[in-house]
């Protein structure tokens, strides 16, 4: 008679507990990796101002357009709270009162960490030079030039040419 002895996947309560903890650690790692993606949103907008077509080591030209580019990053408190609750619940033991306390604490920390917003502005100035070439210059915070303005490029950079 041929007997096959079947081996259970988990032979003891200790192995089951270790397997569950390993699974929880893996899920926690996945949540930690996904949290930054879910907790913030970035958007970029641009506005372009134009002028009419513009009529050696100093190259002269005319500003064709000025574009304002605004980049915003806004927090997502709901996403942060959800991620914090998941992580806190898992770190709090996964079940029972410890998990509840961990989830509540994690939700509070996650929501607070993902609030607020940041905004960055830059101004792109397109210059068409008298020789027919063109170049875009970027200025943070504000544009020193306006569409139609006559400018010159030197080794020191771009500057107004005349009154």
Protein backbone atom coordinates (compact mmCIF):
# COMPACT_ATOMS: atom_id res chain seq x y z
CA UNK A 1 0.00 0.00 0.00
CA UNK A 2 1.31 3.32 -1.05
CA UNK A 3 0.75 6.06 1.47
CA UNK A 4 1.12 9.67 0.66
CA UNK A 5 1.68 11.88 3.58
CA UNK A 6 0.23 15.30 3.03
CA UNK A 7 2.08 18.21 4.57
CA UNK A 8 -0.09 21.12 5.55
CA UNK A 9 1.00 24.53 4.28
CA UNK A 10 1.11 25.89 7.81
CA UNK A 11 1.83 23.36 10.51
CA UNK A 12 1.42 25.47 13.60
CA UNK A 13 -0.23 28.58 14.98
CA UNK A 14 3.22 30.23 15.18
CA UNK A 15 3.83 29.76 11.48
CA UNK A 16 0.41 31.18 10.70
CA UNK A 17 1.15 34.26 12.82
CA UNK A 18 4.54 34.72 11.12
CA UNK A 19 2.93 34.44 7.69
CA UNK A 20 0.26 36.99 8.56
CA UNK A 21 2.92 39.39 9.89
CA UNK A 22 4.95 38.94 6.73
CA UNK A 23 1.88 39.68 4.61
CA UNK A 24 1.12 42.78 6.70
CA UNK A 25 4.69 44.01 6.33
CA UNK A 26 4.47 43.56 2.57
CA UNK A 27 1.19 45.46 2.41
CA UNK A 28 2.65 48.22 4.61
CA UNK A 29 5.58 48.56 2.21
CA UNK A 30 3.20 48.78 -0.73
CA UNK A 31 1.17 51.50 1.00
CA UNK A 32 4.34 53.43 1.86
CA UNK A 33 5.40 53.37 -1.78
CA UNK A 34 1.94 54.39 -3.04
CA UNK A 35 1.29 57.08 -0.39
CA UNK A 36 3.28 59.93 -2.03
CA UNK A 37 1.38 59.36 -5.25
CA UNK A 38 -2.02 59.53 -3.55
CA UNK A 39 -1.31 62.46 -1.24
CA UNK A 40 -0.40 65.28 -3.64
CA UNK A 41 -1.52 66.62 -6.99
CA UNK A 42 0.65 68.80 -9.24
CA UNK A 43 -0.73 70.95 -12.02
CA UNK A 44 0.93 73.38 -14.45
CA UNK A 45 -0.76 76.15 -16.41
CA UNK A 46 0.68 78.70 -18.80
CA UNK A 47 -0.42 82.07 -20.18
CA UNK A 48 1.12 83.58 -23.32
CA UNK A 49 1.19 87.27 -24.26
CA UNK A 50 2.04 88.11 -27.90
CA UNK A 51 3.00 91.18 -29.90
CA UNK A 52 3.16 91.95 -33.59
CA UNK A 53 6.00 90.36 -35.55
CA UNK A 54 9.20 92.17 -34.64
CA UNK A 55 10.59 94.51 -37.31
CA UNK A 56 27.51 90.86 -32.98
CA UNK A 57 28.43 90.45 -29.81
CA UNK A 58 25.46 92.46 -28.99
CA UNK A 59 22.48 90.90 -30.73
CA UNK A 60 19.41 93.08 -30.99
CA UNK A 61 15.90 91.84 -31.14
CA UNK A 62 12.33 92.31 -29.98
CA UNK A 63 10.32 90.47 -27.35
CA UNK A 64 7.72 88.41 -29.24
CA UNK A 65 5.84 87.09 -26.22
CA UNK A 66 5.97 86.59 -22.48
CA UNK A 67 4.51 83.41 -21.01
CA UNK A 68 3.65 83.00 -17.35
CA UNK A 69 3.95 79.37 -16.18
CA UNK A 70 2.37 78.50 -12.82
CA UNK A 71 3.08 75.15 -11.19
CA UNK A 72 0.93 74.20 -8.19
CA UNK A 73 1.29 71.27 -5.86
CA UNK A 74 -1.68 70.72 -3.57
CA UNK A 75 -1.95 68.23 -0.74
CA UNK A 76 -4.71 65.66 -0.55
CA UNK A 77 -5.70 65.29 3.13
CA UNK A 78 -8.25 62.55 2.39
CA UNK A 79 -5.64 60.42 0.62
CA UNK A 80 -3.15 61.09 3.41
CA UNK A 81 -5.70 60.13 6.06
CA UNK A 82 -6.55 56.89 4.25
CA UNK A 83 -2.91 55.94 3.81
CA UNK A 84 -2.15 56.88 7.43
CA UNK A 85 -5.09 54.84 8.70
CA UNK A 86 -3.97 51.77 6.74
CA UNK A 87 -0.39 52.04 7.93
CA UNK A 88 -1.39 52.88 11.52
CA UNK A 89 -3.87 50.01 11.64
CA UNK A 90 -1.28 47.54 10.39
CA UNK A 91 1.41 48.80 12.74
CA UNK A 92 -1.12 48.76 15.61
CA UNK A 93 -1.43 44.99 15.33
CA UNK A 94 -3.92 44.52 12.53
CA UNK A 95 -6.88 43.80 14.82
CA UNK A 96 -8.37 44.76 18.14
CA UNK A 97 -7.98 48.01 20.08
CA UNK A 98 -4.35 48.49 19.03
CA UNK A 99 -5.36 48.52 15.38
CA UNK A 100 -8.13 51.06 16.04
CA UNK A 101 -5.78 53.38 17.95
CA UNK A 102 -3.12 52.96 15.25
CA UNK A 103 -5.61 53.69 12.47
CA UNK A 104 -6.98 56.82 14.17
CA UNK A 105 -3.49 58.11 14.93
CA UNK A 106 -2.26 57.27 11.45
CA UNK A 107 -5.23 59.02 9.84
CA UNK A 108 -4.57 62.18 11.84
CA UNK A 109 -0.87 62.20 11.00
CA UNK A 110 -1.50 61.36 7.33
CA UNK A 111 -4.09 64.12 6.91
CA UNK A 112 -1.86 66.71 8.59
CA UNK A 113 1.18 65.70 6.54
CA UNK A 114 -0.61 66.07 3.22
CA UNK A 115 -2.27 69.46 3.70
CA UNK A 116 -1.17 72.76 2.19
CA UNK A 117 -0.03 73.78 -1.24
CA UNK A 118 2.99 75.23 -3.00
CA UNK A 119 2.99 77.47 -6.06
CA UNK A 120 5.95 78.34 -8.30
CA UNK A 121 5.84 80.93 -11.10
CA UNK A 122 8.28 81.51 -13.90
CA UNK A 123 8.18 83.76 -16.92
CA UNK A 124 9.40 82.69 -20.34
CA UNK A 125 10.41 85.56 -22.65
CA UNK A 126 10.62 84.79 -26.37
CA UNK A 127 12.98 87.10 -28.28
CA UNK A 128 13.19 87.20 -32.07
CA UNK A 129 16.55 88.65 -33.04
CA UNK A 130 17.20 90.88 -36.03
CA UNK A 131 19.13 88.08 -37.77
CA UNK A 132 15.95 85.93 -37.77
CA UNK A 133 16.94 83.61 -34.94
CA UNK A 134 14.97 83.33 -31.72
CA UNK A 135 15.57 82.29 -28.13
CA UNK A 136 13.51 81.84 -24.96
CA UNK A 137 14.81 83.29 -21.69
CA UNK A 138 13.39 82.13 -18.34
CA UNK A 139 12.94 84.40 -15.30
CA UNK A 140 11.65 83.21 -11.90
CA UNK A 141 9.17 85.41 -10.08
CA UNK A 142 8.53 88.09 -12.72
CA UNK A 143 9.38 89.22 -16.23
CA UNK A 144 11.60 92.29 -16.66
CA UNK A 145 10.38 92.63 -20.26
CA UNK A 146 7.07 93.03 -22.12
CA UNK A 147 5.92 92.04 -25.61
CA UNK A 148 7.18 94.38 -28.32
CA UNK A 149 10.09 95.72 -26.25
CA UNK A 150 13.46 96.12 -28.03
CA UNK A 151 16.21 94.18 -26.26
CA UNK A 152 19.85 93.25 -26.74
CA UNK A 153 21.77 90.14 -25.74
CA UNK A 154 25.35 90.48 -24.54
CA UNK A 155 27.73 88.29 -22.58
CA UNK A 156 25.99 89.57 -19.42
CA UNK A 157 22.57 88.39 -20.59
CA UNK A 158 19.46 90.07 -21.95
CA UNK A 159 18.76 93.76 -21.29
CA UNK A 160 16.54 96.55 -22.57
CA UNK A 161 17.94 98.40 -25.59
CA UNK A 162 17.01 102.05 -25.45
CA UNK A 163 14.15 103.93 -23.82
